[in-house]
């Protein structure tokens, strides 16, 4: 254990930040998992209610990811990568025949 006052304070601050970071990361993982579950539900039964749920869960996950990036819990590139994964999961269910033809 540290004896110097500034070292003691740094230990306390580091512990406080560790717990905050852990909370943000856990929340991001949970919201992403909930979103992927909603996308699977929408894929098996595409209707307006399921789409609304998917959009709500995506908004919640995006919000938490953005907050984690803002508080420097996640690096901005890591946050962007997570958001891209979320968008990519839903994209196949909205592909149009014109888009598929131009991609070929």
PDB file of N, CA and C in Angstrom:
ATOM      1  N   UNK A   1       0.848  -1.186   0.000  1.00  0.00           N
ATOM      2  CA  UNK A   1       0.000   0.000   0.000  1.00  0.00           C
ATOM      3  C   UNK A   1       0.884   1.237   0.000  1.00  0.00           C
ATOM      4  N   UNK A   2       0.434   2.231  -0.744  1.00  0.00           N
ATOM      5  CA  UNK A   2       1.212   3.467  -0.860  1.00  0.00           C
ATOM      6  C   UNK A   2       1.151   4.275   0.428  1.00  0.00           C
ATOM      7  N   UNK A   3       2.228   5.013   0.701  1.00  0.00           N
ATOM      8  CA  UNK A   3       2.285   5.890   1.866  1.00  0.00           C
ATOM      9  C   UNK A   3       2.144   7.361   1.480  1.00  0.00           C
ATOM     10  N   UNK A   4       2.515   7.693   0.267  1.00  0.00           N
ATOM     11  CA  UNK A   4       2.473   9.082  -0.179  1.00  0.00           C
ATOM     12  C   UNK A   4       1.032   9.453  -0.521  1.00  0.00           C
ATOM     13  N   UNK A   5       0.638  10.649  -0.089  1.00  0.00           N
ATOM     14  CA  UNK A   5      -0.744  11.092  -0.227  1.00  0.00           C
ATOM     15  C   UNK A   5      -1.206  11.089  -1.687  1.00  0.00           C
ATOM     16  N   UNK A   6      -0.379  11.573  -2.594  1.00  0.00           N
ATOM     17  CA  UNK A   6      -0.767  11.626  -4.007  1.00  0.00           C
ATOM     18  C   UNK A   6      -0.906  10.218  -4.589  1.00  0.00           C
ATOM     19  N   UNK A   7      -0.065   9.293  -4.140  1.00  0.00           N
ATOM     20  CA  UNK A   7      -0.150   7.911  -4.618  1.00  0.00           C
ATOM     21  C   UNK A   7      -1.421   7.245  -4.114  1.00  0.00           C
ATOM     22  N   UNK A   8      -1.789   7.545  -2.871  1.00  0.00           N
ATOM     23  CA  UNK A   8      -3.033   7.005  -2.312  1.00  0.00           C
ATOM     24  C   UNK A   8      -4.225   7.519  -3.118  1.00  0.00           C
ATOM     25  N   UNK A   9      -4.196   8.816  -3.436  1.00  0.00           N
ATOM     26  CA  UNK A   9      -5.289   9.398  -4.213  1.00  0.00           C
ATOM     27  C   UNK A   9      -5.355   8.778  -5.605  1.00  0.00           C
ATOM     28  N   UNK A  10      -4.218   8.558  -6.244  1.00  0.00           N
ATOM     29  CA  UNK A  10      -4.206   7.952  -7.580  1.00  0.00           C
ATOM     30  C   UNK A  10      -4.808   6.551  -7.539  1.00  0.00           C
ATOM     31  N   UNK A  11      -4.524   5.799  -6.468  1.00  0.00           N
ATOM     32  CA  UNK A  11      -5.093   4.458  -6.318  1.00  0.00           C
ATOM     33  C   UNK A  11      -6.617   4.551  -6.222  1.00  0.00           C
ATOM     34  N   UNK A  12      -7.100   5.508  -5.432  1.00  0.00           N
ATOM     35  CA  UNK A  12      -8.549   5.683  -5.272  1.00  0.00           C
ATOM     36  C   UNK A  12      -9.207   6.095  -6.587  1.00  0.00           C
ATOM     37  N   UNK A  13      -8.568   7.021  -7.297  1.00  0.00           N
ATOM     38  CA  UNK A  13      -9.111   7.494  -8.571  1.00  0.00           C
ATOM     39  C   UNK A  13      -9.108   6.364  -9.602  1.00  0.00           C
ATOM     40  N   UNK A  14      -8.034   5.595  -9.633  1.00  0.00           N
ATOM     41  CA  UNK A  14      -7.939   4.490 -10.583  1.00  0.00           C
ATOM     42  C   UNK A  14      -9.027   3.454 -10.316  1.00  0.00           C
ATOM     43  N   UNK A  15      -9.297   3.175  -9.054  1.00  0.00           N
ATOM     44  CA  UNK A  15     -10.348   2.212  -8.703  1.00  0.00           C
ATOM     45  C   UNK A  15     -11.718   2.745  -9.110  1.00  0.00           C
ATOM     46  N   UNK A  16     -11.953   4.023  -8.849  1.00  0.00           N
ATOM     47  CA  UNK A  16     -13.228   4.637  -9.229  1.00  0.00           C
ATOM     48  C   UNK A  16     -13.422   4.558 -10.742  1.00  0.00           C
ATOM     49  N   UNK A  17     -12.383   4.888 -11.488  1.00  0.00           N
ATOM     50  CA  UNK A  17     -12.466   4.843 -12.949  1.00  0.00           C
ATOM     51  C   UNK A  17     -12.625   3.419 -13.460  1.00  0.00           C
ATOM     52  N   UNK A  18     -11.964   2.469 -12.819  1.00  0.00           N
ATOM     53  CA  UNK A  18     -12.082   1.066 -13.231  1.00  0.00           C
ATOM     54  C   UNK A  18     -13.525   0.599 -13.112  1.00  0.00           C
ATOM     55  N   UNK A  19     -14.170   0.952 -12.005  1.00  0.00           N
ATOM     56  CA  UNK A  19     -15.559   0.546 -11.805  1.00  0.00           C
ATOM     57  C   UNK A  19     -16.487   1.226 -12.814  1.00  0.00           C
ATOM     58  N   UNK A  20     -16.229   2.505 -13.088  1.00  0.00           N
ATOM     59  CA  UNK A  20     -17.040   3.219 -14.078  1.00  0.00           C
ATOM     60  C   UNK A  20     -16.860   2.591 -15.455  1.00  0.00           C
ATOM     61  N   UNK A  21     -15.613   2.310 -15.825  1.00  0.00           N
ATOM     62  CA  UNK A  21     -15.330   1.714 -17.130  1.00  0.00           C
ATOM     63  C   UNK A  21     -15.981   0.343 -17.249  1.00  0.00           C
ATOM     64  N   UNK A  22     -15.900  -0.435 -16.183  1.00  0.00           N
ATOM     65  CA  UNK A  22     -16.498  -1.770 -16.175  1.00  0.00           C
ATOM     66  C   UNK A  22     -18.006  -1.676 -16.390  1.00  0.00           C
ATOM     67  N   UNK A  23     -18.634  -0.700 -15.749  1.00  0.00           N
ATOM     68  CA  UNK A  23     -20.072  -0.505 -15.878  1.00  0.00           C
ATOM     69  C   UNK A  23     -20.449  -0.157 -17.318  1.00  0.00           C
ATOM     70  N   UNK A  24     -19.718   0.778 -17.920  1.00  0.00           N
ATOM     71  CA  UNK A  24     -19.998   1.164 -19.301  1.00  0.00           C
ATOM     72  C   UNK A  24     -19.814  -0.018 -20.250  1.00  0.00           C
ATOM     73  N   UNK A  25     -18.698  -0.728 -20.107  1.00  0.00           N
ATOM     74  CA  UNK A  25     -18.415  -1.842 -21.011  1.00  0.00           C
ATOM     75  C   UNK A  25     -19.467  -2.935 -20.886  1.00  0.00           C
ATOM     76  N   UNK A  26     -19.867  -3.228 -19.661  1.00  0.00           N
ATOM     77  CA  UNK A  26     -20.886  -4.240 -19.432  1.00  0.00           C
ATOM     78  C   UNK A  26     -22.215  -3.820 -20.056  1.00  0.00           C
ATOM     79  N   UNK A  27     -22.576  -2.561 -19.886  1.00  0.00           N
ATOM     80  CA  UNK A  27     -23.830  -2.058 -20.449  1.00  0.00           C
ATOM     81  C   UNK A  27     -23.802  -2.119 -21.975  1.00  0.00           C
ATOM     82  N   UNK A  28     -22.677  -1.765 -22.571  1.00  0.00           N
ATOM     83  CA  UNK A  28     -22.553  -1.817 -24.030  1.00  0.00           C
ATOM     84  C   UNK A  28     -22.730  -3.252 -24.512  1.00  0.00           C
ATOM     85  N   UNK A  29     -22.067  -4.195 -23.858  1.00  0.00           N
ATOM     86  CA  UNK A  29     -22.178  -5.602 -24.260  1.00  0.00           C
ATOM     87  C   UNK A  29     -23.613  -6.097 -24.130  1.00  0.00           C
ATOM     88  N   UNK A  30     -24.276  -5.743 -23.037  1.00  0.00           N
ATOM     89  CA  UNK A  30     -25.653  -6.174 -22.810  1.00  0.00           C
ATOM     90  C   UNK A  30     -26.582  -5.597 -23.870  1.00  0.00           C
ATOM     91  N   UNK A  31     -26.450  -4.307 -24.153  1.00  0.00           N
ATOM     92  CA  UNK A  31     -27.315  -3.675 -25.149  1.00  0.00           C
ATOM     93  C   UNK A  31     -27.064  -4.246 -26.544  1.00  0.00           C
ATOM     94  N   UNK A  32     -25.809  -4.559 -26.852  1.00  0.00           N
ATOM     95  CA  UNK A  32     -25.513  -5.163 -28.151  1.00  0.00           C
ATOM     96  C   UNK A  32     -26.130  -6.556 -28.245  1.00  0.00           C
ATOM     97  N   UNK A  33     -26.030  -7.317 -27.167  1.00  0.00           N
ATOM     98  CA  UNK A  33     -26.613  -8.657 -27.150  1.00  0.00           C
ATOM     99  C   UNK A  33     -28.132  -8.581 -27.326  1.00  0.00           C
ATOM    100  N   UNK A  34     -28.767  -7.629 -26.642  1.00  0.00           N
ATOM    101  CA  UNK A  34     -30.212  -7.450 -26.769  1.00  0.00           C
ATOM    102  C   UNK A  34     -30.586  -7.057 -28.199  1.00  0.00           C
ATOM    103  N   UNK A  35     -29.772  -6.221 -28.815  1.00  0.00           N
ATOM    104  CA  UNK A  35     -30.027  -5.794 -30.191  1.00  0.00           C
ATOM    105  C   UNK A  35     -29.934  -6.985 -31.147  1.00  0.00           C
ATOM    106  N   UNK A  36     -28.882  -7.797 -31.007  1.00  0.00           N
ATOM    107  CA  UNK A  36     -28.728  -8.946 -31.895  1.00  0.00           C
ATOM    108  C   UNK A  36     -29.882  -9.935 -31.718  1.00  0.00           C
ATOM    109  N   UNK A  37     -30.376 -10.081 -30.491  1.00  0.00           N
ATOM    110  CA  UNK A  37     -31.536 -10.943 -30.253  1.00  0.00           C
ATOM    111  C   UNK A  37     -32.771 -10.376 -30.955  1.00  0.00           C
ATOM    112  N   UNK A  38     -32.936  -9.066 -30.908  1.00  0.00           N
ATOM    113  CA  UNK A  38     -34.076  -8.427 -31.571  1.00  0.00           C
ATOM    114  C   UNK A  38     -33.979  -8.579 -33.088  1.00  0.00           C
ATOM    115  N   UNK A  39     -32.768  -8.504 -33.631  1.00  0.00           N
ATOM    116  CA  UNK A  39     -32.582  -8.680 -35.076  1.00  0.00           C
ATOM    117  C   UNK A  39     -32.946 -10.107 -35.475  1.00  0.00           C
ATOM    118  N   UNK A  40     -32.538 -11.087 -34.674  1.00  0.00           N
ATOM    119  CA  UNK A  40     -32.896 -12.481 -34.964  1.00  0.00           C
ATOM    120  C   UNK A  40     -34.406 -12.664 -34.937  1.00  0.00           C
ATOM    121  N   UNK A  41     -35.045 -12.051 -33.962  1.00  0.00           N
ATOM    122  CA  UNK A  41     -36.508 -12.129 -33.853  1.00  0.00           C
ATOM    123  C   UNK A  41     -37.151 -11.501 -35.085  1.00  0.00           C
ATOM    124  N   UNK A  42     -36.628 -10.365 -35.521  1.00  0.00           N
ATOM    125  CA  UNK A  42     -37.153  -9.699 -36.714  1.00  0.00           C
ATOM    126  C   UNK A  42     -36.909 -10.557 -37.956  1.00  0.00           C
ATOM    127  N   UNK A  43     -35.768 -11.214 -38.027  1.00  0.00           N
ATOM    128  CA  UNK A  43     -35.446 -12.045 -39.189  1.00  0.00           C
ATOM    129  C   UNK A  43     -36.409 -13.220 -39.305  1.00  0.00           C
ATOM    130  N   UNK A  44     -36.789 -13.794 -38.165  1.00  0.00           N
ATOM    131  CA  UNK A  44     -37.694 -14.939 -38.199  1.00  0.00           C
ATOM    132  C   UNK A  44     -39.141 -14.522 -38.422  1.00  0.00           C
ATOM    133  N   UNK A  45     -39.483 -13.287 -38.022  1.00  0.00           N
ATOM    134  CA  UNK A  45     -40.856 -12.816 -38.170  1.00  0.00           C
ATOM    135  C   UNK A  45     -40.840 -11.318 -38.479  1.00  0.00           C
ATOM    136  N   UNK A  46     -40.587 -10.953 -39.734  1.00  0.00           N
ATOM    137  CA  UNK A  46     -40.479  -9.519 -40.052  1.00  0.00           C
ATOM    138  C   UNK A  46     -41.837  -8.828 -40.058  1.00  0.00           C
ATOM    139  N   UNK A  47     -42.076  -8.029 -39.041  1.00  0.00           N
ATOM    140  CA  UNK A  47     -43.277  -7.198 -38.998  1.00  0.00           C
ATOM    141  C   UNK A  47     -42.927  -5.852 -38.375  1.00  0.00           C
ATOM    142  N   UNK A  48     -43.893  -4.954 -38.361  1.00  0.00           N
ATOM    143  CA  UNK A  48     -43.643  -3.577 -37.916  1.00  0.00           C
ATOM    144  C   UNK A  48     -43.263  -3.505 -36.442  1.00  0.00           C
ATOM    145  N   UNK A  49     -43.890  -4.333 -35.602  1.00  0.00           N
ATOM    146  CA  UNK A  49     -43.584  -4.306 -34.168  1.00  0.00           C
ATOM    147  C   UNK A  49     -42.141  -4.730 -33.898  1.00  0.00           C
ATOM    148  N   UNK A  50     -41.727  -5.795 -34.558  1.00  0.00           N
ATOM    149  CA  UNK A  50     -40.349  -6.266 -34.371  1.00  0.00           C
ATOM    150  C   UNK A  50     -39.339  -5.254 -34.903  1.00  0.00           C
ATOM    151  N   UNK A  51     -39.675  -4.591 -36.003  1.00  0.00           N
ATOM    152  CA  UNK A  51     -38.779  -3.574 -36.555  1.00  0.00           C
ATOM    153  C   UNK A  51     -38.655  -2.388 -35.603  1.00  0.00           C
ATOM    154  N   UNK A  52     -39.764  -2.011 -34.988  1.00  0.00           N
ATOM    155  CA  UNK A  52     -39.737  -0.921 -34.011  1.00  0.00           C
ATOM    156  C   UNK A  52     -38.845  -1.288 -32.834  1.00  0.00           C
ATOM    157  N   UNK A  53     -38.958  -2.525 -32.370  1.00  0.00           N
ATOM    158  CA  UNK A  53     -38.119  -2.980 -31.259  1.00  0.00           C
ATOM    159  C   UNK A  53     -36.641  -2.963 -31.648  1.00  0.00           C
ATOM    160  N   UNK A  54     -36.340  -3.411 -32.860  1.00  0.00           N
ATOM    161  CA  UNK A  54     -34.955  -3.404 -33.345  1.00  0.00           C
ATOM    162  C   UNK A  54     -34.410  -1.977 -33.359  1.00  0.00           C
ATOM    163  N   UNK A  55     -35.210  -1.047 -33.877  1.00  0.00           N
ATOM    164  CA  UNK A  55     -34.755   0.348 -33.954  1.00  0.00           C
ATOM    165  C   UNK A  55     -34.555   0.961 -32.574  1.00  0.00           C
ATOM    166  N   UNK A  56     -35.421   0.624 -31.628  1.00  0.00           N
ATOM    167  CA  UNK A  56     -35.266   1.136 -30.266  1.00  0.00           C
ATOM    168  C   UNK A  56     -33.998   0.587 -29.623  1.00  0.00           C
ATOM    169  N   UNK A  57     -33.761  -0.700 -29.808  1.00  0.00           N
ATOM    170  CA  UNK A  57     -32.565  -1.309 -29.220  1.00  0.00           C
ATOM    171  C   UNK A  57     -31.292  -0.787 -29.888  1.00  0.00           C
ATOM    172  N   UNK A  58     -31.368  -0.518 -31.185  1.00  0.00           N
ATOM    173  CA  UNK A  58     -30.210   0.047 -31.872  1.00  0.00           C
ATOM    174  C   UNK A  58     -29.911   1.449 -31.335  1.00  0.00           C
ATOM    175  N   UNK A  59     -30.944   2.240 -31.138  1.00  0.00           N
ATOM    176  CA  UNK A  59     -30.754   3.597 -30.622  1.00  0.00           C
ATOM    177  C   UNK A  59     -30.144   3.562 -29.223  1.00  0.00           C
ATOM    178  N   UNK A  60     -30.615   2.636 -28.385  1.00  0.00           N
ATOM    179  CA  UNK A  60     -30.080   2.522 -27.026  1.00  0.00           C
ATOM    180  C   UNK A  60     -28.612   2.105 -27.052  1.00  0.00           C
ATOM    181  N   UNK A  61     -28.286   1.142 -27.916  1.00  0.00           N
ATOM    182  CA  UNK A  61     -26.901   0.677 -28.013  1.00  0.00           C
ATOM    183  C   UNK A  61     -26.000   1.784 -28.564  1.00  0.00           C
ATOM    184  N   UNK A  62     -26.452   2.480 -29.611  1.00  0.00           N
ATOM    185  CA  UNK A  62     -25.669   3.587 -30.174  1.00  0.00           C
ATOM    186  C   UNK A  62     -25.407   4.650 -29.116  1.00  0.00           C
ATOM    187  N   UNK A  63     -26.438   4.972 -28.351  1.00  0.00           N
ATOM    188  CA  UNK A  63     -26.314   6.007 -27.328  1.00  0.00           C
ATOM    189  C   UNK A  63     -25.269   5.624 -26.287  1.00  0.00           C
ATOM    190  N   UNK A  64     -25.338   4.388 -25.808  1.00  0.00           N
ATOM    191  CA  UNK A  64     -24.397   3.947 -24.772  1.00  0.00           C
ATOM    192  C   UNK A  64     -22.974   3.873 -25.325  1.00  0.00           C
ATOM    193  N   UNK A  65     -22.831   3.427 -26.566  1.00  0.00           N
ATOM    194  CA  UNK A  65     -21.502   3.380 -27.185  1.00  0.00           C
ATOM    195  C   UNK A  65     -20.937   4.793 -27.306  1.00  0.00           C
ATOM    196  N   UNK A  66     -21.769   5.731 -27.761  1.00  0.00           N
ATOM    197  CA  UNK A  66     -21.311   7.118 -27.902  1.00  0.00           C
ATOM    198  C   UNK A  66     -20.909   7.710 -26.558  1.00  0.00           C
ATOM    199  N   UNK A  67     -21.657   7.403 -25.514  1.00  0.00           N
ATOM    200  CA  UNK A  67     -21.318   7.906 -24.182  1.00  0.00           C
ATOM    201  C   UNK A  67     -20.007   7.291 -23.688  1.00  0.00           C
ATOM    202  N   UNK A  68     -19.807   6.007 -23.962  1.00  0.00           N
ATOM    203  CA  UNK A  68     -18.564   5.354 -23.553  1.00  0.00           C
ATOM    204  C   UNK A  68     -17.369   5.967 -24.282  1.00  0.00           C
ATOM    205  N   UNK A  69     -17.555   6.304 -25.543  1.00  0.00           N
ATOM    206  CA  UNK A  69     -16.479   6.950 -26.303  1.00  0.00           C
ATOM    207  C   UNK A  69     -16.226   8.349 -25.751  1.00  0.00           C
ATOM    208  N   UNK A  70     -17.300   9.060 -25.446  1.00  0.00           N
ATOM    209  CA  UNK A  70     -17.161  10.426 -24.932  1.00  0.00           C
ATOM    210  C   UNK A  70     -16.406  10.452 -23.606  1.00  0.00           C
ATOM    211  N   UNK A  71     -16.636   9.442 -22.762  1.00  0.00           N
ATOM    212  CA  UNK A  71     -15.953   9.366 -21.470  1.00  0.00           C
ATOM    213  C   UNK A  71     -14.632   8.607 -21.556  1.00  0.00           C
ATOM    214  N   UNK A  72     -14.194   8.314 -22.782  1.00  0.00           N
ATOM    215  CA  UNK A  72     -12.921   7.646 -23.047  1.00  0.00           C
ATOM    216  C   UNK A  72     -12.822   6.262 -22.417  1.00  0.00           C
ATOM    217  N   UNK A  73     -13.961   5.608 -22.288  1.00  0.00           N
ATOM    218  CA  UNK A  73     -13.962   4.214 -21.849  1.00  0.00           C
ATOM    219  C   UNK A  73     -13.602   3.333 -23.043  1.00  0.00           C
ATOM    220  N   UNK A  74     -14.123   3.692 -24.213  1.00  0.00           N
ATOM    221  CA  UNK A  74     -13.791   3.017 -25.462  1.00  0.00           C
ATOM    222  C   UNK A  74     -13.065   4.002 -26.371  1.00  0.00           C
ATOM    223  N   UNK A  75     -12.139   3.492 -27.163  1.00  0.00           N
ATOM    224  CA  UNK A  75     -11.496   4.317 -28.185  1.00  0.00           C
ATOM    225  C   UNK A  75     -12.530   4.605 -29.270  1.00  0.00           C
ATOM    226  N   UNK A  76     -12.420   5.755 -29.917  1.00  0.00           N
ATOM    227  CA  UNK A  76     -13.442   6.133 -30.902  1.00  0.00           C
ATOM    228  C   UNK A  76     -13.512   5.142 -32.058  1.00  0.00           C
ATOM    229  N   UNK A  77     -12.390   4.556 -32.449  1.00  0.00           N
ATOM    230  CA  UNK A  77     -12.415   3.563 -33.525  1.00  0.00           C
ATOM    231  C   UNK A  77     -13.114   2.287 -33.069  1.00  0.00           C
ATOM    232  N   UNK A  78     -12.916   1.920 -31.807  1.00  0.00           N
ATOM    233  CA  UNK A  78     -13.581   0.742 -31.262  1.00  0.00           C
ATOM    234  C   UNK A  78     -15.091   0.982 -31.221  1.00  0.00           C
ATOM    235  N   UNK A  79     -15.492   2.177 -30.823  1.00  0.00           N
ATOM    236  CA  UNK A  79     -16.912   2.523 -30.810  1.00  0.00           C
ATOM    237  C   UNK A  79     -17.500   2.488 -32.209  1.00  0.00           C
ATOM    238  N   UNK A  80     -16.765   3.014 -33.179  1.00  0.00           N
ATOM    239  CA  UNK A  80     -17.228   3.004 -34.566  1.00  0.00           C
ATOM    240  C   UNK A  80     -17.351   1.571 -35.076  1.00  0.00           C
ATOM    241  N   UNK A  81     -16.409   0.722 -34.692  1.00  0.00           N
ATOM    242  CA  UNK A  81     -16.445  -0.682 -35.104  1.00  0.00           C
ATOM    243  C   UNK A  81     -17.677  -1.380 -34.537  1.00  0.00           C
ATOM    244  N   UNK A  82     -17.981  -1.133 -33.276  1.00  0.00           N
ATOM    245  CA  UNK A  82     -19.159  -1.740 -32.648  1.00  0.00           C
ATOM    246  C   UNK A  82     -20.440  -1.265 -33.336  1.00  0.00           C
ATOM    247  N   UNK A  83     -20.527   0.025 -33.639  1.00  0.00           N
ATOM    248  CA  UNK A  83     -21.710   0.560 -34.307  1.00  0.00           C
ATOM    249  C   UNK A  83     -21.849  -0.011 -35.718  1.00  0.00           C
ATOM    250  N   UNK A  84     -20.729  -0.213 -36.399  1.00  0.00           N
ATOM    251  CA  UNK A  84     -20.765  -0.801 -37.739  1.00  0.00           C
ATOM    252  C   UNK A  84     -21.270  -2.241 -37.684  1.00  0.00           C
ATOM    253  N   UNK A  85     -20.855  -2.977 -36.654  1.00  0.00           N
ATOM    254  CA  UNK A  85     -21.342  -4.355 -36.486  1.00  0.00           C
ATOM    255  C   UNK A  85     -22.851  -4.371 -36.303  1.00  0.00           C
ATOM    256  N   UNK A  86     -23.366  -3.415 -35.535  1.00  0.00           N
ATOM    257  CA  UNK A  86     -24.809  -3.344 -35.309  1.00  0.00           C
ATOM    258  C   UNK A  86     -25.545  -3.078 -36.621  1.00  0.00           C
ATOM    259  N   UNK A  87     -25.064  -2.116 -37.387  1.00  0.00           N
ATOM    260  CA  UNK A  87     -25.714  -1.774 -38.653  1.00  0.00           C
ATOM    261  C   UNK A  87     -25.625  -2.935 -39.642  1.00  0.00           C
ATOM    262  N   UNK A  88     -24.480  -3.604 -39.662  1.00  0.00           N
ATOM    263  CA  UNK A  88     -24.267  -4.708 -40.598  1.00  0.00           C
ATOM    264  C   UNK A  88     -25.201  -5.882 -40.306  1.00  0.00           C
ATOM    265  N   UNK A  89     -25.552  -6.071 -39.040  1.00  0.00           N
ATOM    266  CA  UNK A  89     -26.420  -7.190 -38.672  1.00  0.00           C
ATOM    267  C   UNK A  89     -27.816  -7.029 -39.259  1.00  0.00           C
ATOM    268  N   UNK A  90     -28.281  -5.803 -39.406  1.00  0.00           N
ATOM    269  CA  UNK A  90     -29.641  -5.557 -39.890  1.00  0.00           C
ATOM    270  C   UNK A  90     -29.701  -5.383 -41.403  1.00  0.00           C
ATOM    271  N   UNK A  91     -28.610  -5.002 -42.013  1.00  0.00           N
ATOM    272  CA  UNK A  91     -28.589  -4.652 -43.431  1.00  0.00           C
ATOM    273  C   UNK A  91     -29.123  -5.749 -44.366  1.00  0.00           C
ATOM    274  N   UNK A  92     -28.815  -7.028 -44.173  1.00  0.00           N
ATOM    275  CA  UNK A  92     -29.291  -8.048 -45.124  1.00  0.00           C
ATOM    276  C   UNK A  92     -30.813  -8.130 -45.237  1.00  0.00           C
ATOM    277  N   UNK A  93     -31.528  -7.674 -44.237  1.00  0.00           N
ATOM    278  CA  UNK A  93     -32.984  -7.784 -44.252  1.00  0.00           C
ATOM    279  C   UNK A  93     -33.638  -6.616 -44.966  1.00  0.00           C
ATOM    280  N   UNK A  94     -32.842  -5.669 -45.448  1.00  0.00           N
ATOM    281  CA  UNK A  94     -33.369  -4.530 -46.177  1.00  0.00           C
ATOM    282  C   UNK A  94     -32.766  -4.406 -47.566  1.00  0.00           C
ATOM    283  N   UNK A  95     -32.124  -5.463 -48.052  1.00  0.00           N
ATOM    284  CA  UNK A  95     -31.507  -5.384 -49.370  1.00  0.00           C
ATOM    285  C   UNK A  95     -32.599  -5.443 -50.440  1.00  0.00           C
ATOM    286  N   UNK A  96     -32.459  -4.607 -51.453  1.00  0.00           N
ATOM    287  CA  UNK A  96     -33.419  -4.558 -52.547  1.00  0.00           C
ATOM    288  C   UNK A  96     -32.834  -5.272 -53.756  1.00  0.00           C
ATOM    289  N   UNK A  97     -33.666  -5.739 -54.675  1.00  0.00           N
ATOM    290  CA  UNK A  97     -33.135  -6.407 -55.873  1.00  0.00           C
ATOM    291  C   UNK A  97     -32.234  -5.490 -56.706  1.00  0.00           C
ATOM    292  N   UNK A  98     -32.550  -4.176 -56.761  1.00  0.00           N
ATOM    293  CA  UNK A  98     -31.727  -3.244 -57.532  1.00  0.00           C
ATOM    294  C   UNK A  98     -30.322  -3.148 -56.936  1.00  0.00           C
ATOM    295  N   UNK A  99     -30.247  -3.106 -55.619  1.00  0.00           N
ATOM    296  CA  UNK A  99     -28.949  -2.999 -54.956  1.00  0.00           C
ATOM    297  C   UNK A  99     -28.123  -4.261 -55.184  1.00  0.00           C
ATOM    298  N   UNK A 100     -28.790  -5.410 -55.181  1.00  0.00           N
ATOM    299  CA  UNK A 100     -28.073  -6.659 -55.411  1.00  0.00           C
ATOM    300  C   UNK A 100     -27.577  -6.739 -56.852  1.00  0.00           C
ATOM    301  N   UNK A 101     -28.359  -6.238 -57.813  1.00  0.00           N
ATOM    302  CA  UNK A 101     -27.966  -6.281 -59.216  1.00  0.00           C
ATOM    303  C   UNK A 101     -26.773  -5.370 -59.479  1.00  0.00           C
ATOM    304  N   UNK A 102     -26.767  -4.195 -58.860  1.00  0.00           N
ATOM    305  CA  UNK A 102     -25.656  -3.270 -59.079  1.00  0.00           C
ATOM    306  C   UNK A 102     -24.383  -3.739 -58.381  1.00  0.00           C
ATOM    307  N   UNK A 103     -24.522  -4.524 -57.323  1.00  0.00           N
ATOM    308  CA  UNK A 103     -23.355  -5.028 -56.597  1.00  0.00           C
ATOM    309  C   UNK A 103     -22.669  -6.151 -57.374  1.00  0.00           C
ATOM    310  N   UNK A 104     -23.399  -6.826 -58.233  1.00  0.00           N
ATOM    311  CA  UNK A 104     -22.834  -7.956 -58.979  1.00  0.00           C
ATOM    312  C   UNK A 104     -21.952  -7.538 -60.108  1.00  0.00           C
TER     313      UNK A 104
END
